[in-house]
Structures are given as structure tokens and as C-alpha cells.
Amino acid sequence: MSEERNEWSSNLSFILAMIGSAVGLGNIWRYPYVLYSNGGGAFYIPYIIAILVLAIPFLILEYGVGYNFRSSFAKGLTNINSKFEYFGWFLPFVIFIMTIYYSTVIGWDGIYFILSFFKGWGANPNAFLANNVLHASSNLSDITTFVPVVAVSMIFCWIVIWFISHRKVESGLSTISKFFVPLLFIIMIVIVGFSLMLPGASIGLNELFNPDWSLLGHFDIWMNAFGQIFFSLSLGIGAAFTYASYTKEDVDLISSTLYVIAGNCIFENFAALGVFSILGYMSLQSATPVSQIVTQGTGLIFVVYPTVFNILGDIALILGPLFFFTVYISGITSMLSSFEVFSSSVQNKFHLSRKKTVTILCIIGGTLSMVFATAPGEFLVSVTDEFVNNISLIISVLIECLIFAWVFNIKKLIGFFNARSKVIKIGKLWVIMVRFIIPFILLLIWIGGIYEIIISESTANLIILLCLSIISLIIALILTKLPARTKNWLKIEERI
């Protein structure tokens, strides 16, 4: 079996795929809440600084190293130094875990997409979600209680991922990105446009953008801004590295970085307008302060939105399906990029065809995801999400940044970037930022996250988190020790 390498047909395909990777559920439900709870308009100061200090320099770094090696993440790390192969497998496997539980949330949304055509959630969306959809329980002894409707929706999600991913990059990921990413923005424009016309929309917007300048002196608002940018743009999960490896020789990676960041930030700020316009409307109708309505996560997507759709009348039969379809698209495009990180690494080392690799991993992922199609599914999703985001991912990205910035010779990237850049040039300041400033920021975020876990989580949750950590470390070790089935695994091929 010959080793397969894919390539985007154009730089536009690459940019749209990266925007699709970045734009996800977090833009729709997490960002509006973070913006509101961190000083409203005042939040934009640390938000913009986080983009300049963290997002742009780090994304350029990931793009540059990924482009240089033109390989999967695991192979690229191995080529930098064979001692780093273990880490090269740890991060992709953690991202694969993220893909598995992400399919659960997409599965929930698929159910609500169907329900939205006839407002099937009834008069009490909160009770319907807990009792009729999730059969929710936080007791692990109820794990034998299977929820068939959730399982079927999740299996359909995995079929969609297989159908797109088993094709070559241009006929699969690229085609989907070119169609769905623009559609994603169009649908959100329709939803936000309608939301802004609702009575009481100004109430929500005033709450959202009313700046609390005093919070700028607090540590939390700065860490939340950097954390939001980090998670919103999917920095360090290997997607940027993998997608950049598929680019053509003449790509302008600095301009691509700016386009991707701009697209992501425009989308999440636009989504915030729609969310708080709707919350303002709900506040007016129920005579309840916005502060008592605002929420995040499943509460916003599957409770607050169905509640307002119940109030809107027949127009909600159009607006509802549009909204839940938007959430579904954003989830699928993000899931595709995270799936690609692990898939490409497996293809590289074990000399498997793309179709065979994707089929095997979809079967494994789909099977493992069924643990979330049980009564404690929502509880397990929250714990697994905490393991991925607060424990594994940030420390992994910190290690990745140190390897790329200190072991790999990043100075040779400067000439390559500047020769192709039509916008800005990089130099010593960029090197200082990726070698010193960004690692320091990531270390602070990680320590803060670990501290919050230790002081707030129950013993049972800590045991689950420990088990997930051990499993990930063992799987990464197994994948490292398994012999490569291709001579090219240790062969260093660089483009710069």
C-alpha cells in the first residue's frame, strides 16, 4: 500500500477548512456567556490582546512547522526528534477522545433538529431534555440504562464523519468546507437579523455590552480572554499542523492565519448579538432580569432556545430548524478536523489507506461513544470535557510550543513566511513571543485549571479524571512502541 499524501486544491480550501475547524459549538454557546460574565464591552481589551499575543503568533508557528514536514502530527514530532514520538501520539489520542464525546453533543443537536420542525420539546423544554431525551442521571450505577434515540443520532453522526473523511482531502473535507462554511455564516446572519428585530432585543444587548471597567484589574478576566481564544480557535490540537501539511508550495500562511482568526472572531461576536437579543426578548416577556436567564452549555442550546421558539409562534418553525442545523454544521466541521489529526497519524505510521484507517477509527470511535448514550451520558461528557480541556490539552500544547520553538529551528521559517506574506512580516519579536511569552501564558492557564479541579471536584470525579489520564498515557505508549509498517516513518522530509 503506497503512502497517501493529500493536498488542498487552493488556498481558499485550506482557509475555509480551518475556519470550519475553529467555528464550533463554543462560538455559539460559550463565547456569549464568557463575554457577558467578564465585563461586557470591557472584555474586548484582553480579548484583542489575546489575539495579538497568543492566537496570531502560535497559529503561525503551527502552520509553519506543519507545512515544513508535510506529514501527520505524530510523524512530524518524530522527525524533529525520535524521543518526541510518545508526545506525538499522546496529543492526537486526547483529541480523538474529544472527537468521541463531541459526537454526543452533535447527536443531541440532531434530535433537536428533528424536534424543531414541530416544537416536539413541549411546554417545558428543561424537563423534556432531562427526562425525555437524556434520561439524565449523575449516578454511574445507571450506566446500564441505554438511551436508544441518543445512540441512533450519534451513530448517524459517525456515518456522516466516515462519509466525508474516507475520501481524499479535496473531494471530502475541501468540498464540505466550501459549501458548509459559507452556509454556516449565511444561516447565522438570518438568525441574528431576525433576533435583532425582536421586542426587547436592546435590553439584552445593553446587558451584553455594558462595560464593567473595574474587572480589567482582575486576573480572571485576562485568563478567561486567553482561554477563550485558545479554545475558540482550537489552538494546539494538531488540526492547524495537519491541515497546513496539505497546502501547496506557494501558500501565504501569514495571510491565512489572519483570515482564519478574523472569520472565527466575526462569527462568535455575531452569534453573541443573536443570543443576547433573544435573551433580552425573553427578559421582556417574562419580566425576569437577563442575569437570571443567561446560561451556557446545554442549558442555552437545548433549553433557552426551545423556550423562546415556543414563544415566537409559527416563525419558529423556520427559525428553529435553521438554528439547530447551524449548530450541527459547526459541530461536524470541528469534529472533522479533530478526527483528521489522529487519522492521519495512524495512516502515516501503519501504512494504511485513508479509507481503511477512517473506517476502523469510526467503528472504534462510534462504539466507544455509546457509553455517552446512557443515563449518566451528560455527566460523563462534562467530566471527559474537563479531562481534555483543563488537564491534557493545555499542558500538551505547552509542550508542543516548547518543542516547536526551541528544538525545531523556527528561525528558518522567518524567511519562508516573509517571502510569501502580502500583509505583515515577522522577525525577532515573533521568536520571543513563541519561545517565552506564550509558554508562560499557557502554564498560567494550566495551573489555574488544575487548581480549580482540585478544589471543586468530588472524589468520584477525580478518580474518573485519573483513570482517563492513565488510559491516555498507556495508549500513547502502545502506539509509540508498535513498529512502523513503513520505512518512511523515520525519514525526514522537509520543505523549508
Protein backbone atom coordinates (compact mmCIF):
# COMPACT_ATOMS: atom_id res chain seq x y z
CA MET A 1 0.00 0.00 0.00
CA SER A 2 1.57 3.28 -1.04
CA GLU A 3 1.64 6.13 1.47
CA GLU A 4 -1.06 8.65 0.70
CA ARG A 5 -0.48 12.40 0.94
CA ASN A 6 -3.27 14.78 0.20
CA GLU A 7 -3.30 18.38 -0.93
CA TRP A 8 -5.80 21.24 -0.96
CA SER A 9 -6.69 22.35 -4.47
CA SER A 10 -6.36 26.01 -3.45
CA ASN A 11 -5.51 28.24 -0.52
CA LEU A 12 -9.23 29.04 -0.21
CA SER A 13 -9.95 25.37 0.53
CA PHE A 14 -7.36 25.46 3.32
CA ILE A 15 -8.72 28.70 4.83
CA LEU A 16 -12.34 27.54 4.76
CA ALA A 17 -11.41 24.19 6.30
CA MET A 18 -9.52 25.94 9.10
CA ILE A 19 -12.41 28.34 9.72
CA GLY A 20 -14.73 25.32 9.84
CA SER A 21 -12.40 23.72 12.36
CA ALA A 22 -12.36 26.83 14.55
CA VAL A 23 -16.06 27.69 14.35
CA GLY A 24 -17.83 25.26 16.65
CA LEU A 25 -20.29 24.91 19.49
CA GLY A 26 -18.08 27.05 21.73
CA ASN A 27 -18.66 30.07 19.49
CA ILE A 28 -22.42 29.75 19.82
CA TRP A 29 -22.92 28.90 23.49
CA ARG A 30 -19.64 29.53 25.33
CA TYR A 31 -18.44 32.86 23.96
CA PRO A 32 -21.60 34.94 24.61
CA TYR A 33 -21.58 33.76 28.23
CA VAL A 34 -17.85 34.49 28.66
CA LEU A 35 -18.25 37.94 27.11
CA TYR A 36 -21.21 38.76 29.36
CA SER A 37 -19.70 37.44 32.61
CA ASN A 38 -16.32 39.11 32.10
CA GLY A 39 -17.14 42.78 31.96
CA GLY A 40 -19.17 43.01 28.73
CA GLY A 41 -17.57 45.60 26.47
CA ALA A 42 -14.52 45.78 28.76
CA PHE A 43 -13.75 42.16 27.82
CA TYR A 44 -12.71 43.27 24.32
CA ILE A 45 -9.47 44.77 25.63
CA PRO A 46 -7.97 41.49 26.93
CA TYR A 47 -9.73 39.66 24.05
CA ILE A 48 -7.89 41.68 21.39
CA ILE A 49 -4.60 41.46 23.30
CA ALA A 50 -5.02 37.67 23.48
CA ILE A 51 -5.46 37.55 19.71
CA LEU A 52 -2.28 39.57 19.15
CA VAL A 53 -0.14 37.88 21.80
CA LEU A 54 -1.37 34.28 21.66
CA ALA A 55 -3.52 33.45 18.63
CA ILE A 56 -1.60 35.01 15.75
CA PRO A 57 1.95 34.01 16.80
CA PHE A 58 1.01 30.48 17.83
CA LEU A 59 -1.12 29.72 14.77
CA ILE A 60 1.69 30.96 12.51
CA LEU A 61 4.04 28.59 14.38
CA GLU A 62 1.73 25.59 13.93
CA TYR A 63 1.19 26.36 10.26
CA GLY A 64 4.91 26.78 9.61
CA VAL A 65 6.03 23.52 11.23
CA GLY A 66 3.12 21.57 9.72
CA TYR A 67 3.89 22.95 6.25
CA ASN A 68 7.59 22.15 6.64
CA PHE A 69 7.16 18.46 7.45
CA ARG A 70 4.17 17.81 5.19
CA SER A 71 3.18 14.92 7.41
CA SER A 72 0.90 13.91 10.25
CA PHE A 73 1.41 15.39 13.71
CA ALA A 74 2.92 12.20 15.16
CA LYS A 75 5.38 11.79 12.29
CA GLY A 76 6.33 15.47 12.42
CA LEU A 77 7.19 15.24 16.13
CA THR A 78 9.14 12.03 15.49
CA ASN A 79 11.09 13.74 12.71
CA ILE A 80 12.02 16.66 14.97
CA ASN A 81 13.44 14.11 17.42
CA SER A 82 12.54 10.44 17.77
CA LYS A 83 12.32 10.96 21.56
CA PHE A 84 9.20 13.07 20.97
CA GLU A 85 7.20 10.32 19.29
CA TYR A 86 5.43 9.48 22.56
CA PHE A 87 4.12 13.03 22.85
CA GLY A 88 3.33 12.91 19.13
CA TRP A 89 0.82 10.16 19.95
CA PHE A 90 -0.46 11.47 23.29
CA LEU A 91 -1.95 14.68 21.88
CA PRO A 92 -3.68 13.07 18.85
CA PHE A 93 -5.20 10.39 21.09
CA VAL A 94 -6.51 13.01 23.54
CA ILE A 95 -8.04 14.82 20.56
CA PHE A 96 -9.59 11.53 19.45
CA ILE A 97 -11.22 11.29 22.90
CA MET A 98 -12.54 14.80 22.36
CA THR A 99 -13.95 13.70 19.00
CA ILE A 100 -15.77 10.81 20.68
CA TYR A 101 -17.61 12.89 23.27
CA TYR A 102 -18.15 15.71 20.77
CA SER A 103 -20.24 13.28 18.73
CA THR A 104 -22.59 13.07 21.72
CA VAL A 105 -23.41 16.78 21.72
CA ILE A 106 -23.87 16.68 17.95
CA GLY A 107 -26.16 13.68 18.46
CA TRP A 108 -28.27 15.66 20.92
CA ASP A 109 -28.47 18.50 18.44
CA GLY A 110 -29.55 16.12 15.68
CA ILE A 111 -32.51 15.10 17.82
CA TYR A 112 -33.47 18.73 18.40
CA PHE A 113 -33.17 19.49 14.69
CA ILE A 114 -35.94 16.97 14.06
CA LEU A 115 -37.99 18.20 17.04
CA SER A 116 -37.68 21.83 15.89
CA PHE A 117 -39.98 21.22 12.91
CA PHE A 118 -42.93 20.71 15.24
CA LYS A 119 -41.65 22.00 18.61
CA GLY A 120 -41.54 18.47 19.91
CA TRP A 121 -39.93 19.53 23.21
CA GLY A 122 -43.32 20.62 24.53
CA ALA A 123 -44.14 23.38 27.00
CA ASN A 124 -41.30 22.57 29.43
CA PRO A 125 -38.01 22.24 27.46
CA ASN A 126 -35.95 21.86 30.63
CA ALA A 127 -37.87 18.82 31.87
CA PHE A 128 -38.08 17.40 28.34
CA LEU A 129 -34.29 17.49 27.92
CA ALA A 130 -33.58 15.79 31.23
CA ASN A 131 -36.42 13.28 31.28
CA ASN A 132 -37.33 12.52 27.65
CA VAL A 133 -34.06 12.94 25.75
CA LEU A 134 -31.16 12.30 28.12
CA HIS A 135 -32.92 10.32 30.88
CA ALA A 136 -30.28 12.16 32.87
CA SER A 137 -28.60 10.74 35.93
CA SER A 138 -25.32 11.59 37.66
CA ASN A 139 -25.19 8.14 39.24
CA LEU A 140 -22.73 5.85 37.46
CA SER A 141 -24.72 2.82 38.60
CA ASP A 142 -27.31 3.87 35.98
CA ILE A 143 -24.80 3.35 33.16
CA THR A 144 -26.72 0.23 32.14
CA THR A 145 -29.70 2.43 31.26
CA PHE A 146 -29.31 2.78 27.50
CA VAL A 147 -30.93 5.68 25.62
CA PRO A 148 -31.67 4.37 22.09
CA VAL A 149 -32.69 7.69 20.49
CA VAL A 150 -29.40 9.31 21.53
CA ALA A 151 -27.44 6.26 20.33
CA VAL A 152 -29.09 6.31 16.89
CA SER A 153 -28.43 10.03 16.47
CA MET A 154 -24.78 9.56 17.46
CA ILE A 155 -24.33 6.65 15.06
CA PHE A 156 -25.72 8.81 12.25
CA CYS A 157 -23.13 11.48 13.20
CA TRP A 158 -20.32 8.92 12.87
CA ILE A 159 -21.68 7.81 9.48
CA VAL A 160 -21.52 11.44 8.31
CA ILE A 161 -17.93 11.74 9.56
CA TRP A 162 -16.99 8.49 7.78
CA PHE A 163 -18.70 9.53 4.55
CA ILE A 164 -16.73 12.79 4.41
CA SER A 165 -13.39 11.68 5.90
CA HIS A 166 -12.82 8.46 3.97
CA ARG A 167 -12.49 10.45 0.75
CA LYS A 168 -9.37 12.32 -0.28
CA VAL A 169 -8.92 15.77 1.23
CA GLU A 170 -10.09 17.67 -1.84
CA SER A 171 -13.20 15.58 -2.52
CA GLY A 172 -14.08 15.23 1.16
CA LEU A 173 -13.00 17.92 3.63
CA SER A 174 -12.49 20.61 1.00
CA THR A 175 -15.84 20.12 -0.72
CA ILE A 176 -17.71 20.13 2.58
CA SER A 177 -15.85 23.24 3.80
CA LYS A 178 -16.51 25.18 0.59
CA PHE A 179 -20.23 24.51 0.87
CA PHE A 180 -20.99 24.39 4.58
CA VAL A 181 -18.76 27.14 5.99
CA PRO A 182 -20.33 29.92 3.84
CA LEU A 183 -23.77 28.37 4.54
CA LEU A 184 -22.97 28.48 8.25
CA PHE A 185 -22.38 32.23 8.09
CA ILE A 186 -25.47 32.84 5.95
CA ILE A 187 -27.75 30.97 8.35
CA MET A 188 -26.28 32.80 11.35
CA ILE A 189 -26.86 36.15 9.59
CA VAL A 190 -30.53 35.20 9.10
CA ILE A 191 -30.92 34.14 12.74
CA VAL A 192 -29.17 37.22 14.13
CA GLY A 193 -31.05 39.55 11.77
CA PHE A 194 -34.35 38.18 12.98
CA SER A 195 -33.24 38.23 16.63
CA LEU A 196 -32.25 41.91 16.45
CA MET A 197 -35.81 42.80 15.42
CA LEU A 198 -37.40 41.12 18.45
CA PRO A 199 -39.05 43.38 21.05
CA GLY A 200 -36.66 43.74 23.96
CA ALA A 201 -33.55 42.89 21.93
CA SER A 202 -31.95 46.13 23.10
CA ILE A 203 -32.34 45.01 26.73
CA GLY A 204 -30.12 42.00 26.09
CA LEU A 205 -27.59 43.97 24.04
CA ASN A 206 -27.31 46.63 26.74
CA GLU A 207 -26.59 43.90 29.28
CA LEU A 208 -24.04 42.30 26.97
CA PHE A 209 -22.03 45.36 26.05
CA ASN A 210 -22.37 47.40 29.26
CA PRO A 211 -18.68 47.60 30.20
CA ASP A 212 -17.52 46.91 33.73
CA TRP A 213 -14.10 48.53 33.55
CA SER A 214 -13.27 47.59 37.14
CA LEU A 215 -12.85 43.94 36.10
CA LEU A 216 -9.80 44.83 34.00
CA GLY A 217 -7.84 44.90 37.22
CA HIS A 218 -8.77 41.29 38.00
CA PHE A 219 -6.65 38.32 36.95
CA ASP A 220 -9.69 36.25 35.95
CA ILE A 221 -10.81 38.41 33.03
CA TRP A 222 -7.38 38.17 31.41
CA MET A 223 -7.11 34.41 31.84
CA ASN A 224 -10.67 33.96 30.57
CA ALA A 225 -9.86 36.03 27.49
CA PHE A 226 -6.74 33.99 26.72
CA GLY A 227 -8.61 30.76 27.49
CA GLN A 228 -11.48 31.71 25.17
CA ILE A 229 -9.13 32.50 22.28
CA PHE A 230 -7.21 29.29 22.94
CA PHE A 231 -10.30 27.06 22.84
CA SER A 232 -12.28 29.04 20.27
CA LEU A 233 -9.54 28.78 17.64
CA SER A 234 -8.66 25.16 18.56
CA LEU A 235 -5.04 26.16 19.04
CA GLY A 236 -2.59 23.34 19.50
CA ILE A 237 -4.89 20.38 18.86
CA GLY A 238 -2.86 19.42 15.80
CA ALA A 239 -5.52 20.45 13.28
CA ALA A 240 -3.57 23.50 12.11
CA PHE A 241 -0.41 21.37 11.81
CA THR A 242 -2.23 18.65 9.85
CA TYR A 243 -4.19 20.96 7.55
CA ALA A 244 -1.09 23.09 6.83
CA SER A 245 0.73 19.93 5.74
CA TYR A 246 -1.79 19.63 2.88
CA THR A 247 -1.08 23.13 1.50
CA LYS A 248 0.61 23.95 -1.79
CA GLU A 249 4.18 25.27 -2.09
CA ASP A 250 3.25 28.91 -2.68
CA VAL A 251 0.80 29.33 0.21
CA ASP A 252 0.77 32.61 2.17
CA LEU A 253 0.43 31.24 5.69
CA ILE A 254 0.53 34.59 7.50
CA SER A 255 -2.40 35.93 5.48
CA SER A 256 -4.20 32.61 6.01
CA THR A 257 -3.70 32.98 9.77
CA LEU A 258 -5.31 36.42 9.75
CA TYR A 259 -8.25 35.25 7.61
CA VAL A 260 -8.96 32.28 9.89
CA ILE A 261 -8.78 34.33 13.08
CA ALA A 262 -10.92 37.10 11.58
CA GLY A 263 -13.55 34.59 10.39
CA ASN A 264 -13.73 32.92 13.79
CA CYS A 265 -13.94 36.17 15.75
CA ILE A 266 -16.57 37.67 13.45
CA PHE A 267 -18.72 34.55 13.79
CA GLU A 268 -18.59 34.31 17.59
CA ASN A 269 -19.22 38.02 18.13
CA PHE A 270 -22.08 37.92 15.64
CA ALA A 271 -23.51 34.90 17.46
CA ALA A 272 -23.34 36.85 20.72
CA LEU A 273 -25.61 39.52 19.19
CA GLY A 274 -28.24 36.91 18.39
CA VAL A 275 -28.02 35.12 21.72
CA PHE A 276 -28.44 38.27 23.81
CA SER A 277 -31.12 39.73 21.56
CA ILE A 278 -33.15 36.59 22.26
CA LEU A 279 -32.36 36.72 25.98
CA GLY A 280 -33.48 40.38 26.00
CA TYR A 281 -36.75 39.34 24.38
CA MET A 282 -37.20 36.61 26.98
CA SER A 283 -36.46 39.12 29.74
CA LEU A 284 -39.14 41.48 28.43
CA GLN A 285 -41.73 38.73 28.06
CA SER A 286 -41.13 37.12 31.43
CA ALA A 287 -40.26 40.28 33.41
CA THR A 288 -37.11 38.44 34.53
CA PRO A 289 -33.68 40.12 34.57
CA VAL A 290 -31.29 38.92 31.87
CA SER A 291 -28.82 37.99 34.60
CA GLN A 292 -31.24 35.30 35.80
CA ILE A 293 -31.81 33.89 32.32
CA VAL A 294 -28.32 33.85 30.86
CA THR A 295 -26.66 30.45 30.86
CA GLN A 296 -24.24 28.37 28.82
CA GLY A 297 -23.86 24.83 27.52
CA THR A 298 -26.82 22.53 27.11
CA GLY A 299 -28.96 24.96 29.09
CA LEU A 300 -28.61 27.60 26.37
CA ILE A 301 -28.83 25.40 23.29
CA PHE A 302 -31.43 22.86 24.38
CA VAL A 303 -33.45 24.76 26.97
CA VAL A 304 -33.31 28.53 26.39
CA TYR A 305 -33.63 28.39 22.61
CA PRO A 306 -36.58 25.94 22.62
CA THR A 307 -38.24 28.13 25.25
CA VAL A 308 -38.03 31.21 23.06
CA PHE A 309 -39.07 29.23 19.97
CA ASN A 310 -42.23 28.27 21.87
CA ILE A 311 -43.00 31.97 22.32
CA LEU A 312 -42.22 33.05 18.76
CA GLY A 313 -45.12 31.26 17.12
CA ASP A 314 -45.08 29.85 13.56
CA ILE A 315 -41.92 31.74 12.54
CA ALA A 316 -40.06 29.47 14.95
CA LEU A 317 -40.86 26.53 12.67
CA ILE A 318 -38.40 28.13 10.24
CA LEU A 319 -36.00 29.75 12.69
CA GLY A 320 -35.72 26.67 14.91
CA PRO A 321 -34.57 24.22 12.23
CA LEU A 322 -32.16 26.86 10.87
CA PHE A 323 -30.61 27.32 14.30
CA PHE A 324 -30.18 23.64 15.13
CA PHE A 325 -28.87 22.94 11.61
CA THR A 326 -26.29 25.70 12.15
CA VAL A 327 -25.18 24.08 15.40
CA TYR A 328 -24.98 20.70 13.62
CA ILE A 329 -22.82 22.06 10.80
CA SER A 330 -20.45 23.82 13.18
CA GLY A 331 -20.14 20.63 15.21
CA ILE A 332 -19.45 18.43 12.18
CA THR A 333 -16.78 20.75 10.70
CA SER A 334 -14.99 20.92 14.07
CA MET A 335 -15.25 17.16 14.58
CA LEU A 336 -13.81 16.51 11.12
CA SER A 337 -10.65 18.48 11.90
CA SER A 338 -10.05 16.80 15.27
CA PHE A 339 -10.68 13.37 13.73
CA GLU A 340 -8.17 14.12 10.96
CA VAL A 341 -5.33 14.65 13.48
CA PHE A 342 -5.42 11.07 14.79
CA SER A 343 -6.43 9.53 11.49
CA SER A 344 -3.51 10.99 9.52
CA SER A 345 -1.03 9.87 12.19
CA VAL A 346 -2.33 6.29 12.08
CA GLN A 347 -2.17 6.30 8.27
CA ASN A 348 1.43 7.52 8.34
CA LYS A 349 2.89 5.02 10.80
CA PHE A 350 0.94 1.89 9.99
CA HIS A 351 0.90 2.34 6.20
CA LEU A 352 -2.87 2.05 5.90
CA SER A 353 -5.04 3.56 3.20
CA ARG A 354 -7.12 6.57 4.14
CA LYS A 355 -10.37 4.66 3.60
CA LYS A 356 -9.32 1.73 5.79
CA THR A 357 -7.99 3.97 8.57
CA VAL A 358 -11.11 6.13 8.68
CA THR A 359 -13.38 3.08 8.64
CA ILE A 360 -11.54 1.43 11.55
CA LEU A 361 -11.40 4.60 13.64
CA CYS A 362 -15.05 5.44 13.01
CA ILE A 363 -16.06 1.96 14.17
CA ILE A 364 -13.87 2.29 17.28
CA GLY A 365 -15.00 5.86 17.98
CA GLY A 366 -18.65 5.06 17.37
CA THR A 367 -18.50 2.03 19.65
CA LEU A 368 -16.76 3.87 22.49
CA SER A 369 -19.14 6.81 22.18
CA MET A 370 -22.05 4.56 23.16
CA VAL A 371 -21.01 4.98 26.81
CA PHE A 372 -22.37 8.53 26.48
CA ALA A 373 -25.69 7.19 25.15
CA THR A 374 -26.59 6.11 28.68
CA ALA A 375 -28.39 7.82 31.57
CA PRO A 376 -25.15 9.30 33.02
CA GLY A 377 -24.11 10.39 29.50
CA GLU A 378 -24.34 14.14 30.12
CA PHE A 379 -22.39 13.76 33.38
CA LEU A 380 -19.69 11.70 31.65
CA VAL A 381 -19.45 14.26 28.83
CA SER A 382 -18.79 17.06 31.33
CA VAL A 383 -16.10 15.06 33.16
CA THR A 384 -14.42 13.97 29.91
CA ASP A 385 -14.51 17.53 28.62
CA GLU A 386 -12.76 18.65 31.79
CA PHE A 387 -10.09 15.98 31.33
CA VAL A 388 -9.43 17.03 27.74
CA ASN A 389 -9.53 20.81 28.11
CA ASN A 390 -8.34 21.53 31.63
CA ILE A 391 -5.87 18.71 32.21
CA SER A 392 -4.47 17.23 29.00
CA LEU A 393 -4.83 19.71 26.18
CA ILE A 394 -3.24 22.83 27.67
CA ILE A 395 -0.18 21.05 29.06
CA SER A 396 0.16 19.21 25.73
CA VAL A 397 0.08 22.48 23.80
CA LEU A 398 2.64 23.93 26.19
CA ILE A 399 4.96 21.00 25.43
CA GLU A 400 4.22 21.35 21.71
CA CYS A 401 5.08 25.04 21.80
CA LEU A 402 8.38 24.37 23.60
CA ILE A 403 9.34 21.66 21.11
CA PHE A 404 8.46 23.74 18.06
CA ALA A 405 10.02 26.94 19.39
CA TRP A 406 13.20 25.55 20.96
CA VAL A 407 14.10 22.20 19.37
CA PHE A 408 12.88 22.85 15.84
CA ASN A 409 14.82 25.66 14.16
CA ILE A 410 12.00 28.19 13.84
CA LYS A 411 14.33 30.95 12.61
CA LYS A 412 14.45 29.28 9.20
CA LEU A 413 10.68 29.79 8.95
CA ILE A 414 11.02 33.57 9.06
CA GLY A 415 12.41 33.91 5.54
CA PHE A 416 9.81 31.50 4.18
CA PHE A 417 6.93 33.38 5.80
CA ASN A 418 8.12 36.84 4.82
CA ALA A 419 8.81 35.90 1.21
CA ARG A 420 5.18 34.91 0.71
CA SER A 421 3.39 37.28 3.05
CA LYS A 422 1.34 40.03 1.45
CA VAL A 423 0.31 41.54 4.79
CA ILE A 424 2.83 41.60 7.63
CA LYS A 425 6.36 40.38 8.23
CA ILE A 426 7.67 38.53 11.26
CA GLY A 427 11.04 38.65 12.99
CA LYS A 428 12.70 38.60 16.41
CA LEU A 429 9.54 39.69 18.24
CA TRP A 430 7.71 36.61 16.94
CA VAL A 431 10.54 34.36 18.15
CA ILE A 432 10.44 35.95 21.62
CA MET A 433 6.67 35.51 21.82
CA VAL A 434 6.61 31.82 20.88
CA ARG A 435 9.66 30.96 22.98
CA PHE A 436 8.87 32.87 26.17
CA ILE A 437 5.56 34.72 26.36
CA ILE A 438 3.18 32.05 25.04
CA PRO A 439 4.64 29.19 27.15
CA PHE A 440 4.32 31.39 30.24
CA ILE A 441 0.67 32.18 29.44
CA LEU A 442 -0.16 28.52 28.79
CA LEU A 443 1.50 27.48 32.06
CA LEU A 444 -0.62 30.01 33.99
CA ILE A 445 -3.83 28.81 32.33
CA TRP A 446 -2.98 25.17 33.07
CA ILE A 447 -2.09 25.79 36.72
CA GLY A 448 -5.32 27.77 37.15
CA GLY A 449 -7.34 24.94 35.59
CA ILE A 450 -5.70 22.25 37.76
CA TYR A 451 -6.26 24.33 40.88
CA GLU A 452 -9.97 24.72 40.07
CA ILE A 453 -10.30 20.97 39.57
CA ILE A 454 -8.61 20.11 42.87
CA ILE A 455 -10.73 22.48 44.97
CA SER A 456 -14.07 21.96 43.24
CA GLU A 457 -14.35 18.35 42.04
CA SER A 458 -15.69 15.42 44.04
CA THR A 459 -13.58 12.38 44.84
CA ALA A 460 -15.54 10.31 42.29
CA ASN A 461 -14.85 12.84 39.54
CA LEU A 462 -11.16 12.98 40.44
CA ILE A 463 -10.97 9.18 40.16
CA ILE A 464 -12.56 9.29 36.68
CA LEU A 465 -10.12 12.02 35.61
CA LEU A 466 -7.21 9.95 36.91
CA CYS A 467 -8.43 6.86 35.03
CA LEU A 468 -8.74 8.84 31.78
CA SER A 469 -5.21 10.18 32.28
CA ILE A 470 -3.77 6.69 32.83
CA ILE A 471 -5.61 5.25 29.83
CA SER A 472 -4.33 8.05 27.57
CA LEU A 473 -0.75 7.61 28.77
CA ILE A 474 -0.88 3.84 28.20
CA ILE A 475 -2.45 4.09 24.71
CA ALA A 476 0.17 6.67 23.69
CA LEU A 477 2.90 4.30 24.91
CA ILE A 478 1.43 1.37 22.96
CA LEU A 479 1.19 3.41 19.75
CA THR A 480 4.77 4.55 20.24
CA LYS A 481 6.15 1.05 20.83
CA LEU A 482 4.26 -0.60 17.96
CA PRO A 483 6.64 -0.98 15.00
CA ALA A 484 6.08 1.25 11.99
CA ARG A 485 4.98 -0.54 8.82
CA THR A 486 6.74 1.89 6.51
CA LYS A 487 10.38 2.87 6.06
CA ASN A 488 9.28 6.48 5.62
CA TRP A 489 8.25 6.82 9.27
CA LEU A 490 11.73 7.89 10.39
CA LYS A 491 12.63 9.50 7.10
CA ILE A 492 12.88 13.27 7.48
CA GLU A 493 11.33 15.17 4.60
CA GLU A 494 11.31 18.95 4.94
CA ARG A 495 10.09 21.63 2.55
CA ILE A 496 11.93 24.60 4.08
